[in-house]
Protein backbone atom coordinates (compact mmCIF):
# COMPACT_ATOMS: atom_id res chain seq x y z
CA UNK A 1 73.26 -112.68 -14.86
CA UNK A 2 73.48 -109.65 -16.10
CA UNK A 3 70.57 -108.66 -18.54
CA UNK A 4 70.98 -106.23 -20.89
CA UNK A 5 68.30 -103.13 -20.96
CA UNK A 6 66.69 -103.30 -24.35
CA UNK A 7 65.02 -99.60 -23.52
CA UNK A 8 66.83 -97.35 -25.58
CA UNK A 9 66.65 -93.38 -24.83
CA UNK A 10 64.95 -91.56 -28.21
CA UNK A 11 67.66 -90.25 -30.36
CA UNK A 12 67.18 -86.53 -31.02
CA UNK A 13 65.86 -85.78 -34.56
CA UNK A 14 67.20 -83.11 -36.85
CA UNK A 15 64.79 -79.99 -36.85
CA UNK A 16 62.06 -80.34 -39.53
CA UNK A 17 61.94 -77.87 -42.47
CA UNK A 18 58.61 -75.66 -42.30
CA UNK A 19 57.29 -74.09 -45.23
CA UNK A 20 56.20 -70.55 -43.87
CA UNK A 21 54.35 -68.03 -46.36
CA UNK A 22 56.25 -64.96 -46.29
CA UNK A 23 53.20 -62.84 -46.01
CA UNK A 24 52.40 -64.41 -42.76
CA UNK A 25 55.91 -64.32 -41.78
CA UNK A 26 55.70 -60.33 -42.37
CA UNK A 27 52.34 -60.18 -40.52
CA UNK A 28 53.95 -61.82 -37.47
CA UNK A 29 57.13 -59.78 -37.64
CA UNK A 30 55.00 -56.62 -38.30
CA UNK A 31 52.67 -57.30 -35.56
CA UNK A 32 55.30 -57.77 -33.50
CA UNK A 33 57.08 -54.72 -34.00
CA UNK A 34 54.68 -52.30 -34.82
CA UNK A 35 51.76 -53.48 -32.74
CA UNK A 36 51.17 -49.72 -31.35
CA UNK A 37 50.66 -48.60 -35.20
CA UNK A 38 48.08 -51.54 -35.98
CA UNK A 39 46.29 -50.34 -32.31
CA UNK A 40 46.21 -46.76 -33.67
CA UNK A 41 44.71 -47.79 -37.31
CA UNK A 42 41.90 -49.75 -35.69
CA UNK A 43 41.11 -46.93 -33.55
CA UNK A 44 40.92 -44.53 -36.41
CA UNK A 45 38.69 -46.93 -38.31
CA UNK A 46 36.29 -47.11 -35.40
CA UNK A 47 36.28 -43.20 -34.87
CA UNK A 48 35.45 -43.23 -38.85
CA UNK A 49 32.42 -45.45 -38.16
CA UNK A 50 31.10 -43.46 -35.31
CA UNK A 51 31.63 -40.16 -37.25
CA UNK A 52 29.52 -41.85 -40.22
CA UNK A 53 26.58 -42.98 -38.21
CA UNK A 54 26.65 -39.58 -36.26
CA UNK A 55 26.12 -37.67 -39.41
CA UNK A 56 23.82 -40.40 -40.57
CA UNK A 57 21.62 -40.18 -37.55
CA UNK A 58 21.74 -36.16 -37.90
CA UNK A 59 20.75 -36.40 -41.33
CA UNK A 60 17.68 -38.38 -40.60
CA UNK A 61 16.60 -36.34 -37.45
CA UNK A 62 17.09 -32.92 -40.03
CA UNK A 63 14.60 -34.84 -42.52
CA UNK A 64 11.99 -35.68 -40.04
CA UNK A 65 11.98 -32.17 -38.31
CA UNK A 66 11.59 -30.40 -41.84
CA UNK A 67 8.76 -33.22 -42.80
CA UNK A 68 7.16 -32.03 -39.64
CA UNK A 69 7.36 -28.47 -40.22
CA UNK A 70 6.32 -28.74 -43.82
CA UNK A 71 3.11 -30.81 -42.63
CA UNK A 72 2.34 -27.82 -39.81
CA UNK A 73 2.62 -25.30 -42.50
CA UNK A 74 -0.08 -27.22 -44.59
CA UNK A 75 -2.25 -27.50 -42.04
CA UNK A 76 -1.94 -23.88 -41.06
CA UNK A 77 -2.79 -22.71 -44.51
CA UNK A 78 -5.81 -24.64 -44.42
CA UNK A 79 -6.81 -23.55 -41.01
CA UNK A 80 -6.06 -20.06 -42.35
CA UNK A 81 -8.50 -20.46 -45.40
CA UNK A 82 -11.32 -21.75 -42.83
CA UNK A 83 -10.86 -18.96 -40.39
CA UNK A 84 -11.22 -16.41 -43.38
CA UNK A 85 -14.35 -18.16 -44.91
CA UNK A 86 -16.18 -18.12 -41.32
CA UNK A 87 -15.08 -14.38 -40.90
CA UNK A 88 -16.85 -13.75 -44.17
CA UNK A 89 -20.00 -15.48 -43.23
CA UNK A 90 -19.93 -13.55 -40.03
CA UNK A 91 -18.94 -10.26 -41.42
CA UNK A 92 -21.89 -10.70 -43.85
CA UNK A 93 -24.51 -10.93 -40.68
CA UNK A 94 -22.84 -7.90 -39.17
CA UNK A 95 -23.26 -6.01 -42.31
CA UNK A 96 -27.07 -7.06 -42.74
CA UNK A 97 -27.53 -6.21 -38.89
CA UNK A 98 -25.98 -2.88 -39.58
CA UNK A 99 -27.91 -1.97 -42.69
CA UNK A 100 -31.21 -2.10 -40.64
CA UNK A 101 -34.61 -3.61 -41.72
CA UNK A 102 -35.59 0.08 -43.08
CA UNK A 103 -32.51 0.67 -45.18
CA UNK A 104 -32.80 -3.28 -46.32
CA UNK A 105 -36.43 -2.55 -47.67
CA UNK A 106 -35.46 0.73 -49.51
CA UNK A 107 -32.26 -0.56 -51.07
CA UNK A 108 -32.95 -4.34 -51.50
CA UNK A 109 -33.74 -5.38 -55.29
CA UNK A 110 -35.88 -8.33 -56.05
CA UNK A 111 -35.84 -10.03 -59.22
CA UNK A 112 -39.12 -8.66 -60.27
CA UNK A 113 -37.57 -5.56 -59.46
CA UNK A 114 -34.62 -5.83 -61.87
CA UNK A 115 -36.65 -7.27 -64.58
CA UNK A 116 -38.68 -3.99 -64.27
CA UNK A 117 -35.67 -1.89 -64.29
CA UNK A 118 -34.49 -3.48 -67.71
CA UNK A 119 -38.25 -3.14 -69.13
CA UNK A 120 -37.88 0.72 -68.23
CA UNK A 121 -34.30 1.14 -69.61
CA UNK A 122 -35.56 1.40 -73.17
CA UNK A 123 -36.10 -0.19 -76.41
CA UNK A 124 -33.21 -2.95 -75.71
CA UNK A 125 -32.61 -6.63 -76.83
CA UNK A 126 -32.64 -7.39 -73.09
CA UNK A 127 -36.13 -5.56 -72.63
CA UNK A 128 -37.64 -7.31 -75.36
CA UNK A 129 -36.33 -10.80 -74.29
CA UNK A 130 -37.87 -10.11 -70.85
CA UNK A 131 -41.35 -9.26 -72.24
CA UNK A 132 -40.97 -12.83 -74.39
CA UNK A 133 -40.24 -14.45 -71.32
CA UNK A 134 -43.25 -13.14 -69.38
CA UNK A 135 -45.88 -13.65 -72.52
CA UNK A 136 -46.02 -17.56 -72.65
CA UNK A 137 -47.76 -17.65 -75.48
CA UNK A 138 -45.32 -15.50 -77.70
CA UNK A 139 -42.75 -17.75 -75.99
CA UNK A 140 -43.97 -20.85 -77.45
CA UNK A 141 -44.24 -19.07 -80.81
CA UNK A 142 -40.12 -19.05 -81.16
CA UNK A 143 -38.88 -22.30 -80.40
CA UNK A 144 -35.66 -21.82 -82.55
CA UNK A 145 -34.96 -18.53 -80.75
CA UNK A 146 -35.89 -19.75 -77.06
CA UNK A 147 -34.45 -23.01 -76.84
CA UNK A 148 -30.69 -22.01 -76.74
CA UNK A 149 -30.84 -18.69 -74.95
CA UNK A 150 -30.35 -18.77 -71.11
CA UNK A 151 -31.43 -15.36 -70.24
CA UNK A 152 -29.99 -11.75 -69.28
CA UNK A 153 -26.94 -11.68 -67.03
CA UNK A 154 -28.31 -9.42 -64.43
CA UNK A 155 -30.86 -12.03 -63.77
CA UNK A 156 -28.94 -15.14 -63.85
CA UNK A 157 -27.57 -14.93 -60.56
CA UNK A 158 -28.14 -13.26 -57.02
CA UNK A 159 -26.12 -11.59 -54.37
CA UNK A 160 -26.19 -11.35 -50.42
CA UNK A 161 -25.30 -7.82 -50.11
CA UNK A 162 -26.69 -4.73 -51.61
CA UNK A 163 -23.43 -2.95 -51.83
CA UNK A 164 -21.70 -5.61 -53.41
CA UNK A 165 -24.87 -5.79 -55.87
CA UNK A 166 -24.16 -2.14 -56.44
CA UNK A 167 -20.57 -2.35 -56.97
CA UNK A 168 -20.45 -5.44 -59.30
CA UNK A 169 -23.05 -3.87 -61.85
CA UNK A 170 -20.84 -1.06 -61.72
CA UNK A 171 -17.55 -2.86 -62.44
CA UNK A 172 -19.41 -4.95 -65.11
CA UNK A 173 -21.53 -1.94 -66.85
CA UNK A 174 -24.94 -1.80 -68.10
CA UNK A 175 -23.57 -3.28 -71.46
CA UNK A 176 -22.62 -6.62 -69.85
CA UNK A 177 -25.20 -6.62 -67.33
CA UNK A 178 -27.96 -6.52 -70.25
CA UNK A 179 -26.07 -9.06 -72.43
CA UNK A 180 -27.82 -12.00 -73.69
CA UNK A 181 -26.44 -15.33 -72.72
CA UNK A 182 -26.63 -18.17 -75.12
CA UNK A 183 -25.75 -22.00 -74.69
CA UNK A 184 -24.16 -22.15 -78.31
CA UNK A 185 -23.71 -20.30 -81.54
CA UNK A 186 -27.17 -21.57 -82.95
CA UNK A 187 -28.72 -19.20 -80.39
CA UNK A 188 -26.59 -16.09 -81.57
CA UNK A 189 -27.49 -17.19 -85.26
CA UNK A 190 -31.43 -17.28 -84.03
CA UNK A 191 -31.32 -13.67 -82.48
CA UNK A 192 -30.17 -12.08 -85.89
CA UNK A 193 -30.54 -12.80 -89.23
CA UNK A 194 -29.37 -10.98 -92.56
CA UNK A 195 -30.71 -10.62 -96.16
CA UNK A 196 -28.57 -11.32 -99.25
CA UNK A 197 -27.16 -7.68 -99.03
CA UNK A 198 -26.32 -7.99 -95.33
CA UNK A 199 -28.70 -6.06 -93.96
CA UNK A 200 -30.50 -7.04 -90.67
CA UNK A 201 -33.96 -8.56 -91.26
CA UNK A 202 -36.25 -7.08 -88.78
CA UNK A 203 -39.09 -9.46 -89.29
CA UNK A 204 -37.00 -12.45 -87.64
CA UNK A 205 -35.17 -12.82 -84.67
CA UNK A 206 -35.16 -10.39 -81.39
CA UNK A 207 -36.03 -7.70 -83.85
CA UNK A 208 -39.10 -9.64 -85.08
CA UNK A 209 -40.22 -10.20 -81.71
CA UNK A 210 -39.49 -6.48 -80.75
CA UNK A 211 -41.95 -5.61 -83.86
CA UNK A 212 -44.68 -8.02 -82.46
CA UNK A 213 -44.65 -5.97 -79.20
CA UNK A 214 -44.37 -2.85 -81.10
CA UNK A 215 -41.06 -2.14 -79.99
CA UNK A 216 -38.18 -0.98 -82.79
CA UNK A 217 -34.85 -2.34 -81.94
CA UNK A 218 -32.35 0.26 -82.41
CA UNK A 219 -28.52 0.29 -81.86
CA UNK A 220 -26.36 -2.70 -80.82
CA UNK A 221 -26.63 -4.99 -78.09
CA UNK A 222 -24.01 -7.96 -76.41
CA UNK A 223 -24.19 -11.60 -76.76
CA UNK A 224 -22.45 -14.00 -74.63
CA UNK A 225 -21.98 -17.39 -76.48
CA UNK A 226 -20.74 -19.96 -73.74
CA UNK A 227 -19.68 -22.52 -76.33
CA UNK A 228 -17.28 -19.83 -77.88
CA UNK A 229 -16.46 -19.00 -74.39
CA UNK A 230 -14.66 -22.37 -74.25
CA UNK A 231 -13.38 -22.10 -77.66
CA UNK A 232 -11.44 -18.86 -77.68
CA UNK A 233 -8.13 -19.26 -76.17
CA UNK A 234 -8.18 -15.92 -74.37
CA UNK A 235 -11.73 -16.56 -72.46
CA UNK A 236 -10.88 -19.97 -71.37
CA UNK A 237 -13.21 -21.51 -69.05
CA UNK A 238 -12.08 -22.27 -65.34
CA UNK A 239 -10.57 -26.15 -65.46
CA UNK A 240 -9.53 -26.19 -61.95
CA UNK A 241 -11.28 -27.80 -58.66
CA UNK A 242 -14.46 -27.06 -56.79
CA UNK A 243 -15.01 -26.27 -53.06
CA UNK A 244 -15.63 -29.55 -51.60
CA UNK A 245 -19.30 -30.38 -50.68
CA UNK A 246 -20.65 -27.10 -51.99
CA UNK A 247 -24.11 -27.05 -53.58
CA UNK A 248 -23.36 -23.79 -55.34
CA UNK A 249 -20.32 -25.58 -56.98
CA UNK A 250 -17.73 -22.28 -56.00
CA UNK A 251 -14.52 -22.32 -57.61
CA UNK A 252 -11.55 -23.39 -55.34
CA UNK A 253 -9.54 -20.40 -56.07
CA UNK A 254 -6.07 -20.03 -54.23
CA UNK A 255 -6.94 -16.83 -51.81
CA UNK A 256 -4.37 -14.08 -52.08
CA UNK A 257 -1.49 -14.16 -49.55
CA UNK A 258 0.61 -11.06 -48.24
CA UNK A 259 4.45 -11.68 -48.47
CA UNK A 260 3.55 -12.56 -44.58
CA UNK A 261 1.90 -15.46 -45.69
CA UNK A 262 -1.31 -13.80 -44.04
CA UNK A 263 -4.62 -13.17 -46.23
CA UNK A 264 -5.20 -9.16 -46.76
CA UNK A 265 -7.22 -7.62 -44.15
CA UNK A 266 -10.66 -6.99 -45.38
CA UNK A 267 -10.45 -9.71 -48.04
CA UNK A 268 -14.28 -11.08 -48.30
CA UNK A 269 -13.94 -13.51 -51.43
CA UNK A 270 -13.85 -13.65 -55.22
CA UNK A 271 -16.75 -12.00 -57.28
CA UNK A 272 -17.21 -15.41 -59.09
CA UNK A 273 -17.93 -17.11 -56.05
CA UNK A 274 -20.07 -14.48 -54.45
CA UNK A 275 -23.00 -14.76 -57.06
CA UNK A 276 -25.80 -17.24 -56.13
CA UNK A 277 -26.60 -19.19 -59.31
CA UNK A 278 -30.48 -19.86 -59.54
CA UNK A 279 -31.33 -23.21 -58.85
CA UNK A 280 -32.71 -23.77 -62.14
CA UNK A 281 -29.55 -22.88 -63.89
CA UNK A 282 -27.02 -24.48 -61.33
CA UNK A 283 -27.13 -27.82 -63.09
CA UNK A 284 -26.85 -26.32 -66.41
CA UNK A 285 -23.80 -27.63 -68.60
CA UNK A 286 -22.71 -26.95 -71.97
CA UNK A 287 -22.00 -29.98 -74.58
CA UNK A 288 -18.36 -29.97 -72.99
CA UNK A 289 -19.76 -30.32 -69.64
CA UNK A 290 -18.95 -26.85 -68.07
CA UNK A 291 -21.28 -24.88 -65.72
CA UNK A 292 -22.39 -21.25 -65.60
CA UNK A 293 -20.10 -20.41 -63.08
CA UNK A 294 -16.79 -21.80 -64.72
CA UNK A 295 -18.08 -20.12 -68.22
CA UNK A 296 -20.14 -17.12 -67.96
CA UNK A 297 -19.24 -15.88 -64.31
CA UNK A 298 -15.54 -16.93 -64.98
CA UNK A 299 -15.40 -15.10 -68.25
CA UNK A 300 -16.78 -11.68 -66.91
CA UNK A 301 -15.38 -11.40 -63.37
CA UNK A 302 -11.84 -13.52 -63.56
CA UNK A 303 -10.30 -13.56 -60.40
CA UNK A 304 -11.93 -10.16 -59.42
CA UNK A 305 -11.22 -9.78 -55.57
CA UNK A 306 -13.95 -8.09 -53.28
CA UNK A 307 -12.86 -6.04 -50.01
CA UNK A 308 -14.78 -4.70 -47.14
CA UNK A 309 -13.34 -1.08 -47.61
CA UNK A 310 -11.28 0.91 -49.98
CA UNK A 311 -8.27 0.92 -47.36
CA UNK A 312 -8.12 -2.69 -47.46
CA UNK A 313 -8.26 -3.13 -50.98
CA UNK A 314 -5.36 -0.49 -51.55
CA UNK A 315 -3.33 -2.18 -48.86
CA UNK A 316 -3.82 -5.17 -51.00
CA UNK A 317 -2.61 -3.95 -53.96
CA UNK A 318 0.47 -6.46 -54.35
CA UNK A 319 -1.95 -9.39 -54.15
CA UNK A 320 -4.33 -8.21 -56.63
CA UNK A 321 -4.00 -9.68 -60.17
CA UNK A 322 -7.10 -9.34 -62.10
CA UNK A 323 -8.90 -6.33 -60.39
CA UNK A 324 -10.74 -5.48 -57.02
CA UNK A 325 -13.71 -3.73 -55.82
CA UNK A 326 -14.67 -2.87 -52.22
CA UNK A 327 -18.15 -2.26 -50.78
CA UNK A 328 -17.54 1.32 -50.01
CA UNK A 329 -16.88 2.08 -53.62
CA UNK A 330 -13.54 1.43 -54.69
CA UNK A 331 -12.47 -0.19 -57.62
CA UNK A 332 -9.16 -1.49 -59.43
CA UNK A 333 -10.15 -2.74 -62.78
CA UNK A 334 -6.77 -4.06 -63.50
CA UNK A 335 -3.43 -3.69 -61.78
CA UNK A 336 -2.51 -0.02 -62.27
CA UNK A 337 -5.91 1.00 -63.52
CA UNK A 338 -8.11 2.68 -60.91
CA UNK A 339 -11.69 4.21 -61.58
CA UNK A 340 -11.83 7.07 -59.39
CA UNK A 341 -14.66 9.77 -59.00
CA UNK A 342 -18.42 9.34 -58.07
CA UNK A 343 -20.46 6.73 -59.48
CA UNK A 344 -23.44 7.37 -61.35
CA UNK A 345 -26.16 5.13 -59.63
CA UNK A 346 -27.23 1.92 -61.92
CA UNK A 347 -30.68 0.78 -61.55
CA UNK A 348 -29.98 -2.35 -63.28
CA UNK A 349 -28.36 -4.73 -60.59
CA UNK A 350 -28.07 -8.34 -59.46
CA UNK A 351 -31.22 -9.31 -57.25
CA UNK A 352 -30.66 -9.93 -53.62
CA UNK A 353 -30.94 -13.45 -52.10
CA UNK A 354 -33.90 -14.03 -50.10
CA UNK A 355 -33.72 -12.12 -46.82
CA UNK A 356 -32.34 -13.87 -43.84
CA UNK A 357 -31.63 -13.04 -40.33
CA UNK A 358 -28.68 -14.49 -38.49
CA UNK A 359 -29.06 -18.32 -38.41
CA UNK A 360 -29.88 -19.89 -34.86
CA UNK A 361 -26.48 -21.34 -35.17
CA UNK A 362 -24.99 -17.95 -34.86
CA UNK A 363 -23.22 -18.42 -31.61
CA UNK A 364 -22.05 -21.70 -32.49
CA UNK A 365 -20.39 -20.19 -35.59
CA UNK A 366 -18.40 -17.75 -33.29
CA UNK A 367 -17.52 -20.36 -31.01
CA UNK A 368 -16.06 -22.39 -33.87
CA UNK A 369 -13.97 -19.21 -35.18
CA UNK A 370 -12.75 -19.14 -31.66
CA UNK A 371 -11.78 -22.89 -31.73
CA UNK A 372 -9.83 -22.12 -35.01
CA UNK A 373 -8.17 -19.22 -33.76
CA UNK A 374 -6.68 -21.43 -30.88
CA UNK A 375 -5.93 -24.32 -32.76
CA UNK A 376 -3.88 -21.61 -35.02
CA UNK A 377 -2.02 -20.40 -31.75
CA UNK A 378 -1.09 -23.79 -30.99
CA UNK A 379 -0.09 -24.86 -34.17
CA UNK A 380 2.40 -21.72 -34.27
CA UNK A 381 4.04 -22.69 -31.17
CA UNK A 382 4.42 -26.04 -32.63
CA UNK A 383 5.81 -24.42 -35.63
CA UNK A 384 8.32 -22.40 -33.49
CA UNK A 385 9.18 -25.50 -31.83
CA UNK A 386 9.67 -27.58 -34.57
CA UNK A 387 12.02 -24.70 -36.28
CA UNK A 388 13.99 -24.33 -33.22
CA UNK A 389 14.68 -28.39 -33.14
CA UNK A 390 15.47 -28.11 -36.96
CA UNK A 391 17.94 -25.25 -36.44
CA UNK A 392 19.76 -27.10 -33.70
CA UNK A 393 19.83 -30.50 -35.78
CA UNK A 394 21.54 -28.57 -38.55
CA UNK A 395 24.22 -26.76 -36.20
CA UNK A 396 24.85 -30.09 -34.94
CA UNK A 397 25.48 -31.71 -38.26
CA UNK A 398 27.57 -28.92 -39.14
CA UNK A 399 29.82 -29.22 -36.36
CA UNK A 400 29.94 -33.03 -36.93
CA UNK A 401 30.78 -32.63 -40.51
CA UNK A 402 33.51 -30.18 -39.50
CA UNK A 403 34.94 -32.66 -37.30
CA UNK A 404 34.61 -35.32 -40.06
CA UNK A 405 36.70 -33.44 -42.36
CA UNK A 406 39.35 -32.67 -39.94
CA UNK A 407 39.60 -36.49 -39.28
CA UNK A 408 39.85 -37.21 -42.84
CA UNK A 409 43.05 -34.72 -43.32
CA UNK A 410 44.31 -36.22 -39.94
CA UNK A 411 43.87 -39.67 -41.33
CA UNK A 412 45.47 -39.16 -44.42
CA UNK A 413 48.44 -37.26 -42.82
CA UNK A 414 48.76 -40.42 -40.89
CA UNK A 415 48.97 -43.04 -43.70
CA UNK A 416 51.53 -40.89 -45.58
CA UNK A 417 53.69 -41.27 -42.54
CA UNK A 418 53.59 -45.19 -42.77
CA UNK A 419 55.78 -46.08 -45.68
CA UNK A 420 56.53 -49.79 -44.49
CA UNK A 421 52.93 -50.48 -43.56
CA UNK A 422 51.89 -54.06 -44.54
CA UNK A 423 49.62 -54.26 -47.68
CA UNK A 424 46.66 -55.53 -45.77
CA UNK A 425 46.80 -52.51 -43.20
CA UNK A 426 47.41 -50.11 -46.06
CA UNK A 427 44.20 -51.47 -47.69
CA UNK A 428 42.51 -51.07 -44.24
CA UNK A 429 43.95 -47.55 -44.15
CA UNK A 430 42.82 -46.47 -47.36
CA UNK A 431 39.26 -47.81 -46.55
CA UNK A 432 39.31 -45.77 -43.22
CA UNK A 433 40.37 -42.81 -45.63
CA UNK A 434 37.60 -43.10 -47.99
CA UNK A 435 34.98 -44.24 -45.07
CA UNK A 436 31.83 -43.70 -47.45
CA UNK A 437 30.34 -44.11 -50.73
CA UNK A 438 31.04 -40.90 -52.69
CA UNK A 439 26.96 -40.35 -52.84
CA UNK A 440 26.64 -40.46 -49.32
CA UNK A 441 29.80 -38.13 -48.80
CA UNK A 442 28.38 -35.60 -51.25
CA UNK A 443 24.72 -35.95 -49.23
CA UNK A 444 26.49 -35.07 -46.01
CA UNK A 445 28.94 -32.21 -47.20
CA UNK A 446 26.27 -30.62 -49.06
CA UNK A 447 23.95 -30.28 -46.33
């Protein structure tokens, strides 16, 4: 019997209607018809990213070389100062050796000899003060006068070189060398009093002391009040730093530099630092905390420079701001004001420091100087190398920047030639045309 076949073939179904987003259709269609343009856009974006990275890396390299060069220059400047200080130290020993013992005994002046010259100078306030200091009984009888007076300028410091002593005294003059130094204005008032009519009271103060010694004080005399040095704007004390670990508390003054960056040849130092303050006065401080060097010595010398020879001093004129002297007799009191002619020898001079020969470590000091000069040469070589690397990096940066600018122009032209580009691609193209933040772009373009 025939059995019917219950298995039936599937009937074809009508196609389902699919909702497709038009933007997706556009992407599919654009990608299918303009796949070459999309690949080119991707390539341009990758190129843009690479150019940005190259510029950034070159910028970092330039900054690194600039920092290295700055550090080397600072180290070289410090080394130059150390070399100069060591040369000055050695030149003092050379000068002492050249002077000879016989000449040293003839020209050196001790503190006792300085005081003797002050006493012989004539009836002056300085000579009366020296007599009072030598007479302990009389000294104790004038407590109001003596408690505030420190001493005479010529006796408050020592120098290491006789020629320096002679030139400093010539520069200051007799009046300043014989000036009495007081801590405050109380000492100035104690030195001289007046009656109701304004006449000098010859029985009190320094005049009364002179009368007790049988010395009539006539004429004027100078007094330096350290308290007023601090108050008066024109005579402000030194307020900078001090030389590190220096027992004499020398001022850390900026050394003169020629246009080449080198210190002038023959420069020995600043006069204010070449005076050795006596130990008993080294720790003297005013009520505002200032010592003798930054008040008295800075007031009378300011930044007076000392040179070995007149020729050295004249060659260094562009570096001289507050006057200069040379050990062979040259003197510039102020820029443009020269003191010429022969000097009248002054007997009142700063006493010389205790005689000393070259130290046992003299050869070691010379060795240190040679090592510092060698380090300087190596440092200069390092600076030249860093400068060459910096110049090369800047050149590479400039070329890469030009390549980047050219790329921006080409990408802009390409974008203008794609009017039917899909909005997403236009956005990507715009991002490619403006590949970096404006601040970053300005940073690179301004290099």
